[in-house]
N, C-alpha and C. Protein backbone atom coordinates (compact mmCIF):
# COMPACT_ATOMS: atom_id res chain seq x y z
N UNK A 1 72.95 -183.05 -159.54
CA UNK A 1 73.68 -184.31 -160.01
C UNK A 1 75.01 -183.66 -160.91
N UNK A 2 75.14 -182.45 -161.23
CA UNK A 2 76.29 -182.16 -161.94
C UNK A 2 77.73 -182.10 -161.06
N UNK A 3 77.50 -182.08 -159.78
CA UNK A 3 78.61 -181.97 -158.95
C UNK A 3 78.78 -180.52 -158.46
N UNK A 4 77.98 -179.57 -158.89
CA UNK A 4 77.93 -178.14 -158.29
C UNK A 4 77.55 -178.20 -156.94
N UNK A 5 77.97 -177.37 -156.01
CA UNK A 5 77.91 -177.08 -154.57
C UNK A 5 77.17 -175.78 -154.65
N UNK A 6 76.06 -175.79 -154.02
CA UNK A 6 75.35 -174.50 -153.85
C UNK A 6 75.08 -174.22 -152.36
N UNK A 7 75.21 -172.93 -151.90
CA UNK A 7 74.95 -172.37 -150.49
C UNK A 7 73.77 -171.65 -150.52
N UNK A 8 72.91 -171.65 -149.53
CA UNK A 8 71.73 -170.69 -149.22
C UNK A 8 71.52 -170.59 -147.84
N UNK A 9 71.02 -169.41 -147.73
CA UNK A 9 70.42 -169.10 -146.24
C UNK A 9 68.95 -169.08 -146.04
N UNK A 10 68.46 -169.75 -144.86
CA UNK A 10 67.23 -169.83 -144.62
C UNK A 10 66.78 -169.25 -143.28
N UNK A 11 65.72 -168.44 -143.07
CA UNK A 11 65.34 -167.99 -141.73
C UNK A 11 64.18 -168.83 -141.21
N UNK A 12 63.11 -169.20 -142.05
CA UNK A 12 62.27 -169.94 -141.67
C UNK A 12 62.40 -171.57 -141.98
N UNK A 13 62.72 -172.11 -143.12
CA UNK A 13 62.74 -173.52 -143.21
C UNK A 13 63.66 -173.92 -144.40
N UNK A 14 64.19 -175.06 -144.48
CA UNK A 14 64.57 -175.69 -145.47
C UNK A 14 63.78 -176.91 -145.83
N UNK A 15 63.47 -177.00 -147.17
CA UNK A 15 62.35 -177.83 -147.48
C UNK A 15 63.13 -178.79 -148.79
N UNK A 16 62.71 -180.10 -148.62
CA UNK A 16 63.16 -180.90 -149.85
C UNK A 16 61.87 -181.35 -150.43
N UNK A 17 61.72 -181.41 -151.76
CA UNK A 17 60.43 -181.76 -152.42
C UNK A 17 60.97 -182.72 -153.56
N UNK A 18 59.82 -183.69 -153.93
CA UNK A 18 60.08 -184.51 -155.11
C UNK A 18 59.74 -183.68 -156.14
N UNK A 19 60.53 -183.67 -157.37
CA UNK A 19 60.21 -183.11 -158.50
C UNK A 19 59.43 -183.61 -159.65
N UNK A 20 59.10 -185.01 -159.45
CA UNK A 20 58.25 -185.74 -160.46
C UNK A 20 57.21 -186.49 -159.64
N UNK A 21 56.51 -187.37 -160.48
CA UNK A 21 55.40 -188.09 -159.93
C UNK A 21 55.98 -189.12 -158.90
N UNK A 22 57.20 -189.67 -159.07
CA UNK A 22 57.67 -190.48 -158.13
C UNK A 22 57.82 -190.00 -156.72
N UNK A 23 57.66 -190.77 -155.68
CA UNK A 23 58.02 -190.23 -154.40
C UNK A 23 59.47 -190.04 -154.21
N UNK A 24 59.96 -189.24 -153.28
CA UNK A 24 61.23 -189.15 -152.97
C UNK A 24 61.87 -190.17 -152.10
N UNK A 25 63.06 -190.52 -152.12
CA UNK A 25 63.53 -191.48 -151.31
C UNK A 25 64.85 -190.76 -150.73
N UNK A 26 64.85 -190.56 -149.36
CA UNK A 26 65.77 -189.70 -148.60
C UNK A 26 66.48 -190.63 -147.34
N UNK A 27 67.64 -190.46 -147.16
CA UNK A 27 68.23 -190.93 -146.00
C UNK A 27 68.38 -189.70 -145.21
N UNK A 28 68.16 -189.84 -143.83
CA UNK A 28 68.43 -188.70 -142.91
C UNK A 28 69.42 -189.01 -141.73
N UNK A 29 70.50 -188.20 -141.80
CA UNK A 29 71.58 -188.40 -140.67
C UNK A 29 71.36 -187.25 -139.80
N UNK A 30 71.63 -187.29 -138.68
CA UNK A 30 71.50 -186.27 -137.47
C UNK A 30 72.97 -186.43 -136.88
N UNK A 31 73.80 -185.21 -136.88
CA UNK A 31 74.86 -185.29 -136.26
C UNK A 31 75.69 -186.67 -136.42
N UNK A 32 76.02 -186.93 -137.65
CA UNK A 32 76.65 -188.17 -137.92
C UNK A 32 76.19 -189.56 -137.58
N UNK A 33 74.79 -189.33 -137.37
CA UNK A 33 74.10 -190.72 -136.75
C UNK A 33 73.09 -190.98 -137.70
N UNK A 34 73.03 -191.95 -138.51
CA UNK A 34 71.88 -192.32 -139.44
C UNK A 34 70.48 -192.49 -138.60
N UNK A 35 69.46 -191.63 -138.91
CA UNK A 35 68.28 -191.78 -138.10
C UNK A 35 67.33 -192.45 -139.05
N UNK A 36 67.20 -192.34 -140.11
CA UNK A 36 66.24 -192.82 -141.11
C UNK A 36 67.16 -193.38 -142.39
N UNK A 37 67.09 -194.79 -142.59
CA UNK A 37 67.74 -195.10 -143.78
C UNK A 37 67.14 -194.83 -144.97
N UNK A 38 65.68 -195.03 -145.07
CA UNK A 38 64.94 -194.61 -146.22
C UNK A 38 63.62 -194.10 -146.00
N UNK A 39 63.22 -192.76 -146.19
CA UNK A 39 62.37 -192.24 -145.99
C UNK A 39 61.56 -192.05 -147.40
N UNK A 40 60.34 -192.56 -147.70
CA UNK A 40 59.78 -192.28 -148.86
C UNK A 40 58.54 -191.43 -148.64
N UNK A 41 58.62 -190.35 -149.45
CA UNK A 41 57.63 -189.22 -149.01
C UNK A 41 57.63 -188.49 -150.31
N UNK A 42 56.83 -187.34 -150.05
CA UNK A 42 56.70 -186.25 -151.07
C UNK A 42 57.75 -185.14 -150.81
N UNK A 43 58.26 -184.97 -149.47
CA UNK A 43 59.25 -184.13 -149.18
C UNK A 43 59.63 -184.14 -147.68
N UNK A 44 60.38 -183.27 -147.11
CA UNK A 44 60.59 -183.05 -145.73
C UNK A 44 60.83 -181.60 -145.48
N UNK A 45 60.52 -181.00 -144.38
CA UNK A 45 60.89 -179.71 -143.92
C UNK A 45 61.88 -179.79 -142.87
N UNK A 46 62.66 -178.82 -142.58
CA UNK A 46 63.35 -178.40 -141.28
C UNK A 46 63.22 -177.11 -141.13
N UNK A 47 62.36 -176.90 -140.02
CA UNK A 47 61.79 -175.70 -139.63
C UNK A 47 62.44 -175.08 -138.39
N UNK A 48 62.58 -173.71 -138.32
CA UNK A 48 62.87 -173.00 -137.23
C UNK A 48 61.80 -172.56 -136.57
N UNK A 49 61.86 -172.15 -135.26
CA UNK A 49 60.81 -171.56 -134.65
C UNK A 49 60.01 -170.66 -135.32
N UNK A 50 60.82 -169.61 -136.10
CA UNK A 50 60.19 -168.61 -136.85
C UNK A 50 59.43 -168.98 -138.09
N UNK A 51 59.80 -170.22 -138.67
CA UNK A 51 58.87 -170.84 -139.67
C UNK A 51 58.00 -171.72 -139.29
N UNK A 52 57.89 -172.25 -137.88
CA UNK A 52 57.11 -173.20 -137.58
C UNK A 52 55.63 -173.01 -137.65
N UNK A 53 55.24 -171.86 -137.64
CA UNK A 53 53.86 -171.54 -137.66
C UNK A 53 53.02 -171.50 -139.23
N UNK A 54 53.96 -171.52 -140.09
CA UNK A 54 53.47 -171.59 -141.60
C UNK A 54 53.30 -173.05 -142.19
N UNK A 55 54.13 -173.25 -143.12
CA UNK A 55 54.06 -174.56 -143.89
C UNK A 55 54.19 -175.81 -142.84
N UNK A 56 55.14 -175.64 -142.06
CA UNK A 56 55.56 -176.64 -141.02
C UNK A 56 54.34 -177.10 -140.38
N UNK A 57 53.58 -176.22 -139.79
CA UNK A 57 52.26 -176.32 -139.10
C UNK A 57 51.22 -176.95 -139.92
N UNK A 58 50.92 -176.40 -141.04
CA UNK A 58 50.15 -176.83 -142.07
C UNK A 58 50.33 -178.32 -142.51
N UNK A 59 51.56 -178.66 -142.42
CA UNK A 59 51.88 -180.21 -142.69
C UNK A 59 52.04 -181.01 -141.61
N UNK A 60 51.47 -180.48 -140.43
CA UNK A 60 51.22 -181.41 -139.32
C UNK A 60 52.41 -181.38 -138.27
N UNK A 61 53.37 -180.49 -138.41
CA UNK A 61 54.49 -180.29 -137.63
C UNK A 61 54.11 -179.34 -136.30
N UNK A 62 54.83 -179.39 -135.29
CA UNK A 62 54.63 -178.66 -134.21
C UNK A 62 54.81 -177.22 -134.39
N UNK A 63 54.18 -176.26 -133.74
CA UNK A 63 54.67 -174.89 -133.40
C UNK A 63 55.52 -174.82 -132.43
N UNK A 64 56.71 -174.03 -132.61
CA UNK A 64 57.73 -174.04 -131.72
C UNK A 64 57.79 -172.58 -131.16
N UNK A 65 57.84 -172.53 -129.71
CA UNK A 65 58.07 -171.25 -129.28
C UNK A 65 59.30 -170.50 -129.63
N UNK A 66 59.47 -169.41 -129.94
CA UNK A 66 60.52 -168.58 -130.48
C UNK A 66 61.69 -168.73 -129.73
N UNK A 67 61.66 -168.79 -128.26
CA UNK A 67 62.95 -168.89 -127.55
C UNK A 67 63.39 -170.28 -127.36
N UNK A 68 62.53 -171.36 -127.89
CA UNK A 68 63.18 -172.79 -127.81
C UNK A 68 64.21 -173.13 -128.57
N UNK A 69 65.17 -173.79 -128.12
CA UNK A 69 66.54 -173.94 -129.05
C UNK A 69 66.25 -175.40 -129.72
N UNK A 70 65.08 -175.39 -130.44
CA UNK A 70 64.81 -176.67 -131.26
C UNK A 70 64.38 -176.33 -132.74
N UNK A 71 64.59 -177.26 -133.68
CA UNK A 71 64.07 -177.36 -134.80
C UNK A 71 63.22 -178.36 -135.04
N UNK A 72 62.51 -178.24 -136.09
CA UNK A 72 61.31 -179.26 -136.38
C UNK A 72 61.80 -180.07 -137.53
N UNK A 73 61.68 -181.17 -137.76
CA UNK A 73 62.02 -182.20 -138.98
C UNK A 73 60.47 -182.74 -139.31
N UNK A 74 59.87 -182.41 -140.28
CA UNK A 74 58.50 -182.75 -140.49
C UNK A 74 58.33 -183.25 -141.86
N UNK A 75 57.97 -184.66 -141.99
CA UNK A 75 57.89 -185.26 -143.48
C UNK A 75 56.61 -184.83 -144.09
N UNK A 76 56.62 -184.76 -145.33
CA UNK A 76 55.53 -184.26 -146.06
C UNK A 76 55.10 -185.63 -146.77
N UNK A 77 53.69 -185.97 -146.46
CA UNK A 77 53.17 -187.19 -146.99
C UNK A 77 53.88 -188.42 -146.93
N UNK A 78 54.32 -188.77 -145.65
CA UNK A 78 55.28 -190.11 -145.66
C UNK A 78 54.68 -191.20 -146.00
N UNK A 79 55.25 -191.81 -146.82
CA UNK A 79 54.68 -193.32 -147.22
C UNK A 79 55.43 -194.38 -146.28
N UNK A 80 56.70 -194.36 -146.30
CA UNK A 80 57.60 -195.30 -145.51
C UNK A 80 58.53 -194.56 -144.82
N UNK A 81 58.84 -194.78 -143.52
CA UNK A 81 58.02 -195.54 -142.54
C UNK A 81 56.73 -194.79 -142.24
N UNK A 82 55.70 -195.61 -142.18
CA UNK A 82 54.27 -195.07 -142.01
C UNK A 82 54.03 -194.15 -140.79
N UNK A 83 54.57 -194.57 -139.68
CA UNK A 83 54.26 -194.26 -138.47
C UNK A 83 55.07 -193.01 -138.07
N UNK A 84 56.29 -192.64 -138.78
CA UNK A 84 57.17 -191.55 -138.39
C UNK A 84 56.50 -190.29 -138.77
N UNK A 85 56.43 -189.38 -137.82
CA UNK A 85 55.74 -188.15 -138.11
C UNK A 85 56.51 -186.94 -137.74
N UNK A 86 57.97 -187.28 -137.67
CA UNK A 86 58.87 -186.16 -137.70
C UNK A 86 59.53 -186.13 -136.26
N UNK A 87 60.26 -185.03 -135.85
CA UNK A 87 61.44 -185.12 -134.72
C UNK A 87 61.55 -183.70 -134.40
N UNK A 88 61.78 -183.48 -133.26
CA UNK A 88 62.27 -182.11 -132.82
C UNK A 88 63.72 -182.50 -132.47
N UNK A 89 64.63 -181.49 -132.92
CA UNK A 89 66.16 -181.79 -132.93
C UNK A 89 66.65 -180.40 -132.22
N UNK A 90 67.70 -180.60 -131.65
CA UNK A 90 68.46 -179.46 -130.94
C UNK A 90 68.72 -178.40 -132.17
N UNK A 91 68.77 -177.18 -131.88
CA UNK A 91 68.99 -176.13 -132.96
C UNK A 91 70.47 -176.20 -133.50
N UNK A 92 71.16 -176.73 -132.71
CA UNK A 92 72.72 -177.07 -133.02
C UNK A 92 72.79 -178.19 -133.92
N UNK A 93 72.17 -178.99 -134.18
CA UNK A 93 72.19 -180.16 -134.90
C UNK A 93 72.59 -180.02 -136.47
N UNK A 94 73.38 -180.85 -137.04
CA UNK A 94 73.53 -180.93 -138.38
C UNK A 94 72.88 -182.01 -139.00
N UNK A 95 72.00 -181.62 -139.92
CA UNK A 95 71.01 -182.52 -140.55
C UNK A 95 71.56 -182.65 -141.94
N UNK A 96 71.80 -184.16 -142.42
CA UNK A 96 72.10 -184.33 -143.90
C UNK A 96 71.08 -185.19 -144.42
N UNK A 97 70.81 -184.79 -145.47
CA UNK A 97 69.75 -185.69 -146.24
C UNK A 97 70.44 -186.07 -147.68
N UNK A 98 70.57 -187.59 -147.90
CA UNK A 98 71.10 -188.09 -149.03
C UNK A 98 69.90 -188.56 -149.83
N UNK A 99 69.85 -188.06 -151.13
CA UNK A 99 68.79 -188.43 -152.00
C UNK A 99 69.17 -189.80 -152.80
N UNK A 100 68.19 -190.81 -152.33
CA UNK A 100 68.53 -192.27 -152.83
C UNK A 100 67.71 -192.32 -154.36
N UNK A 101 68.38 -192.83 -155.26
CA UNK A 101 67.80 -192.94 -156.46
C UNK A 101 67.50 -191.60 -157.07
N UNK A 102 68.52 -190.76 -157.11
CA UNK A 102 68.31 -189.20 -157.41
C UNK A 102 68.03 -188.89 -158.92
N UNK A 103 68.50 -189.93 -159.86
CA UNK A 103 68.13 -189.82 -161.35
C UNK A 103 66.63 -190.21 -161.55
N UNK A 104 66.34 -191.17 -160.77
CA UNK A 104 64.84 -191.70 -161.10
C UNK A 104 63.95 -191.11 -160.22
N UNK A 105 64.21 -190.48 -159.02
CA UNK A 105 63.46 -189.79 -158.21
C UNK A 105 64.01 -188.26 -157.90
N UNK A 106 63.98 -187.48 -158.74
CA UNK A 106 64.70 -186.19 -158.62
C UNK A 106 64.13 -185.30 -157.39
N UNK A 107 64.91 -184.43 -156.78
CA UNK A 107 64.50 -183.80 -155.68
C UNK A 107 65.04 -182.57 -155.72
N UNK A 108 64.25 -181.46 -155.39
CA UNK A 108 64.76 -180.00 -155.17
C UNK A 108 64.77 -179.49 -153.87
N UNK A 109 65.65 -178.79 -153.45
CA UNK A 109 65.90 -178.28 -152.12
C UNK A 109 65.65 -176.81 -152.23
N UNK A 110 64.79 -176.24 -151.10
CA UNK A 110 64.41 -174.72 -150.96
C UNK A 110 64.78 -174.24 -149.76
N UNK A 111 65.70 -173.35 -149.69
CA UNK A 111 66.08 -172.38 -148.44
C UNK A 111 65.13 -171.18 -148.42
N UNK A 112 64.08 -171.17 -147.71
CA UNK A 112 63.25 -169.95 -147.79
C UNK A 112 62.77 -169.79 -149.29
N UNK A 113 63.45 -168.83 -150.06
CA UNK A 113 63.17 -168.46 -151.50
C UNK A 113 64.00 -168.83 -152.52
N UNK A 114 65.17 -169.70 -151.88
CA UNK A 114 66.22 -170.04 -152.98
C UNK A 114 66.00 -171.59 -153.29
N UNK A 115 65.91 -171.87 -154.56
CA UNK A 115 65.63 -173.25 -154.95
C UNK A 115 66.82 -173.70 -155.62
N UNK A 116 67.22 -175.06 -155.42
CA UNK A 116 68.21 -175.84 -156.27
C UNK A 116 67.50 -177.22 -156.62
N UNK A 117 67.40 -177.29 -157.96
CA UNK A 117 67.01 -178.40 -158.43
C UNK A 117 68.07 -179.71 -158.59
N UNK A 118 67.36 -180.87 -158.78
CA UNK A 118 68.37 -181.97 -158.92
C UNK A 118 69.30 -182.07 -157.95
N UNK A 119 68.93 -182.06 -156.72
CA UNK A 119 70.18 -182.24 -155.57
C UNK A 119 70.38 -183.79 -155.41
N UNK A 120 71.54 -184.13 -155.06
CA UNK A 120 71.92 -185.40 -154.48
C UNK A 120 72.17 -185.52 -152.89
N UNK A 121 72.39 -184.26 -152.33
CA UNK A 121 72.60 -184.37 -150.92
C UNK A 121 72.54 -183.01 -150.48
N UNK A 122 71.97 -182.87 -149.22
CA UNK A 122 71.85 -181.52 -148.66
C UNK A 122 72.20 -181.59 -147.13
N UNK A 123 73.01 -180.80 -146.75
CA UNK A 123 73.40 -180.52 -145.55
C UNK A 123 72.97 -179.25 -144.83
N UNK A 124 72.46 -179.35 -143.59
CA UNK A 124 71.88 -178.11 -143.15
C UNK A 124 72.27 -177.89 -141.61
N UNK A 125 72.77 -176.64 -141.37
CA UNK A 125 73.31 -176.38 -140.06
C UNK A 125 72.94 -175.00 -139.79
N UNK A 126 72.89 -174.67 -138.48
CA UNK A 126 72.80 -173.37 -138.07
C UNK A 126 73.93 -172.51 -138.24
N UNK A 127 73.71 -171.14 -138.44
CA UNK A 127 74.78 -170.32 -138.69
C UNK A 127 74.61 -169.34 -137.65
N UNK A 128 75.23 -169.19 -136.49
CA UNK A 128 74.97 -168.20 -135.53
C UNK A 128 75.50 -166.93 -135.87
N UNK A 129 76.60 -166.89 -136.57
CA UNK A 129 77.17 -165.51 -136.93
C UNK A 129 76.48 -164.43 -137.60
N UNK A 130 75.45 -164.94 -138.20
CA UNK A 130 74.61 -164.03 -138.95
C UNK A 130 73.29 -163.63 -137.88
N UNK A 131 72.68 -162.54 -138.01
CA UNK A 131 71.46 -162.07 -137.12
C UNK A 131 70.54 -161.47 -137.99
N UNK A 132 69.43 -161.45 -137.60
CA UNK A 132 68.24 -160.62 -138.02
C UNK A 132 67.70 -159.74 -137.10
N UNK A 133 67.13 -158.53 -137.26
CA UNK A 133 66.30 -157.89 -136.33
C UNK A 133 65.02 -157.86 -136.78
N UNK A 134 63.88 -158.37 -136.18
CA UNK A 134 62.55 -158.34 -136.33
C UNK A 134 61.76 -157.29 -135.51
N UNK A 135 60.89 -156.50 -136.31
CA UNK A 135 60.37 -155.43 -135.75
C UNK A 135 58.90 -155.72 -135.78
N UNK A 136 58.12 -155.81 -134.46
CA UNK A 136 56.84 -156.01 -134.27
C UNK A 136 56.13 -154.95 -133.61
N UNK A 137 54.82 -154.91 -133.60
CA UNK A 137 54.01 -154.01 -132.67
C UNK A 137 54.22 -154.84 -131.30
N UNK A 138 54.55 -153.66 -130.30
CA UNK A 138 54.73 -154.20 -128.98
C UNK A 138 53.64 -155.05 -128.31
N UNK A 139 52.46 -154.73 -128.81
CA UNK A 139 51.39 -155.49 -128.28
C UNK A 139 51.10 -156.79 -128.97
N UNK A 140 51.85 -157.10 -130.01
CA UNK A 140 51.66 -158.37 -130.73
C UNK A 140 53.12 -158.80 -131.20
N UNK A 141 53.89 -158.98 -130.29
CA UNK A 141 55.34 -159.49 -130.45
C UNK A 141 55.30 -161.02 -130.92
N UNK A 142 56.46 -161.34 -131.46
CA UNK A 142 56.35 -162.79 -132.05
C UNK A 142 55.95 -163.75 -130.90
N UNK A 143 56.58 -163.74 -129.75
CA UNK A 143 56.20 -164.67 -128.77
C UNK A 143 54.70 -164.85 -128.55
N UNK A 144 54.08 -163.69 -128.38
CA UNK A 144 52.54 -163.60 -128.43
C UNK A 144 51.99 -164.12 -129.54
N UNK A 145 52.40 -163.87 -130.78
CA UNK A 145 51.87 -164.46 -132.06
C UNK A 145 51.99 -166.01 -132.02
N UNK A 146 53.15 -166.60 -131.53
CA UNK A 146 53.20 -168.03 -131.53
C UNK A 146 52.23 -168.51 -130.53
N UNK A 147 52.17 -168.02 -129.29
CA UNK A 147 51.15 -168.60 -128.32
C UNK A 147 49.80 -168.60 -128.86
N UNK A 148 49.54 -167.43 -129.43
CA UNK A 148 48.12 -167.29 -130.11
C UNK A 148 47.74 -168.28 -131.05
N UNK A 149 48.80 -168.54 -131.88
CA UNK A 149 48.77 -169.61 -132.91
C UNK A 149 48.31 -170.85 -132.27
N UNK A 150 49.03 -171.39 -131.12
CA UNK A 150 48.93 -172.63 -130.47
C UNK A 150 47.56 -172.90 -129.88
N UNK A 151 46.95 -171.70 -129.53
CA UNK A 151 45.49 -171.88 -128.89
C UNK A 151 44.26 -171.42 -129.99
N UNK A 152 44.66 -171.37 -131.27
CA UNK A 152 43.63 -171.11 -132.03
C UNK A 152 43.11 -172.56 -132.68
N UNK A 153 41.89 -172.36 -132.95
CA UNK A 153 41.08 -173.60 -133.18
C UNK A 153 39.91 -173.20 -134.28
């Protein structure tokens, strides 16, 4: 709310959370098209395939195969609209969150481990110029781990 602009990188997810007892009120725009005019909820996650097996899955979101070119948009305890359970979006989508009634209903944004409190707007887009090398046991690579998670019960 101070007008300061912050930047952060996330490999797993970007999350928005209510900061008080009041539910958050968010407007969600995807690629310049308003998709939800008012989401009343505890928060929302935008998860990559790498992050989809953790908090996103626990919150009811889908597990995304690592090679899939999608991201998961998952609400946290949505109150309104009641039937909206999230969406799968192209990995190239730009997702904008506008915080409605930001002073009355403060929201924090978290990009993996970087938190910014009292946000009024959040824009999330993929940054393809940056890369990460992941090392796994050859017999338990990331693709196999994700498949295993989908068939665990």
